[in-house]
Amino acid sequence: AMLLSRDGQYLLTGGDGGVVSVWQVSDLKQLFAYPGCDAGIRSMAMSHDQRCIITGMASGSIVLFYNDFNRWHHEYQTRY
């Protein structure tokens, strides 16, 4: 599953390994990976304020991840 942030700067991916990864779109640099879940990710959505990532798992579970694009943007800008 893939999901693009509203501003188009971040790409979120998830797959059979159950890991959600956040990528910087401009250079496809991985910024963060959430700990893996016990099942593969089949679908992803984001709350309207972009603070929560909701994933539908292969097991039928729904998992919610807290998200903070502002933190990643600030850390990325100060590091690089």
Protein backbone atom coordinates (compact mmCIF):
# COMPACT_ATOMS: atom_id res chain seq x y z
CA ALA A 1 0.00 0.00 0.00
CA MET A 2 1.17 3.54 -0.71
CA LEU A 3 -0.08 6.93 0.39
CA LEU A 4 1.08 10.44 -0.48
CA SER A 5 0.85 13.28 2.06
CA ARG A 6 -1.47 16.15 1.25
CA ASP A 7 1.43 18.51 0.43
CA GLY A 8 3.14 15.87 -1.74
CA GLN A 9 6.41 15.94 0.25
CA TYR A 10 6.12 12.54 1.95
CA LEU A 11 5.32 9.05 0.71
CA LEU A 12 4.14 6.34 3.09
CA THR A 13 4.53 2.69 2.13
CA GLY A 14 3.48 -0.56 3.74
CA GLY A 15 3.54 -4.17 2.63
CA ASP A 16 3.64 -7.84 3.55
CA GLY A 17 6.27 -7.26 6.26
CA GLY A 18 3.83 -5.14 8.27
CA VAL A 19 6.16 -2.12 8.34
CA VAL A 20 5.02 1.43 7.55
CA SER A 21 7.85 3.58 6.15
CA VAL A 22 7.94 7.34 5.57
CA TRP A 23 9.98 8.63 2.62
CA GLN A 24 10.99 12.12 1.49
CA VAL A 25 9.55 12.38 -2.05
CA SER A 26 12.19 14.76 -3.43
CA ASP A 27 15.05 12.24 -3.09
CA LEU A 28 13.29 9.05 -1.90
CA LYS A 29 15.28 9.08 1.34
CA GLN A 30 13.70 7.01 4.10
CA LEU A 31 12.97 9.23 7.11
CA PHE A 32 11.27 6.80 9.49
CA ALA A 33 9.97 3.25 9.80
CA TYR A 34 7.36 2.27 12.36
CA PRO A 35 7.87 -1.06 14.19
CA GLY A 36 6.50 -4.01 12.22
CA CYS A 37 3.04 -5.43 12.86
CA ASP A 38 2.11 -9.10 12.97
CA ALA A 39 0.42 -9.07 9.54
CA GLY A 40 0.87 -7.48 6.13
CA ILE A 41 -0.56 -4.07 5.35
CA ARG A 42 -3.30 -4.14 2.73
CA SER A 43 -4.58 -0.55 2.80
CA MET A 44 -3.68 2.84 4.24
CA ALA A 45 -5.51 6.09 4.92
CA MET A 46 -4.67 9.28 6.75
CA SER A 47 -6.79 11.44 9.04
CA HIS A 48 -7.79 14.87 7.73
CA ASP A 49 -5.20 16.60 9.97
CA GLN A 50 -2.50 14.09 8.86
CA ARG A 51 -1.72 13.09 12.45
CA CYS A 52 -2.91 9.50 12.23
CA ILE A 53 -2.17 6.77 9.71
CA ILE A 54 -4.83 4.07 9.65
CA THR A 55 -3.85 0.71 8.17
CA GLY A 56 -5.95 -2.29 7.24
CA MET A 57 -4.06 -5.49 7.94
CA ALA A 58 -4.18 -8.88 6.19
CA SER A 59 -5.39 -10.37 9.50
CA GLY A 60 -8.47 -8.12 9.42
CA SER A 61 -7.15 -5.82 12.16
CA ILE A 62 -7.02 -2.05 11.92
CA VAL A 63 -3.88 -0.37 13.30
CA LEU A 64 -3.49 3.34 13.98
CA PHE A 65 -0.06 5.03 13.91
CA TYR A 66 0.64 8.52 15.26
CA ASN A 67 2.25 10.71 12.61
CA ASP A 68 4.08 14.06 12.80
CA PHE A 69 5.24 15.40 9.43
CA ASN A 70 6.34 18.68 11.06
CA ARG A 71 8.90 16.85 13.21
CA TRP A 72 10.37 14.96 10.25
CA HIS A 73 10.44 18.09 8.13
CA HIS A 74 12.30 20.03 10.84
CA GLU A 75 14.76 17.21 11.58
CA TYR A 76 15.42 16.65 7.87
CA GLN A 77 16.04 20.36 7.24
CA THR A 78 18.49 20.70 10.16
CA ARG A 79 20.41 17.51 9.29
CA TYR A 80 20.80 18.00 5.55
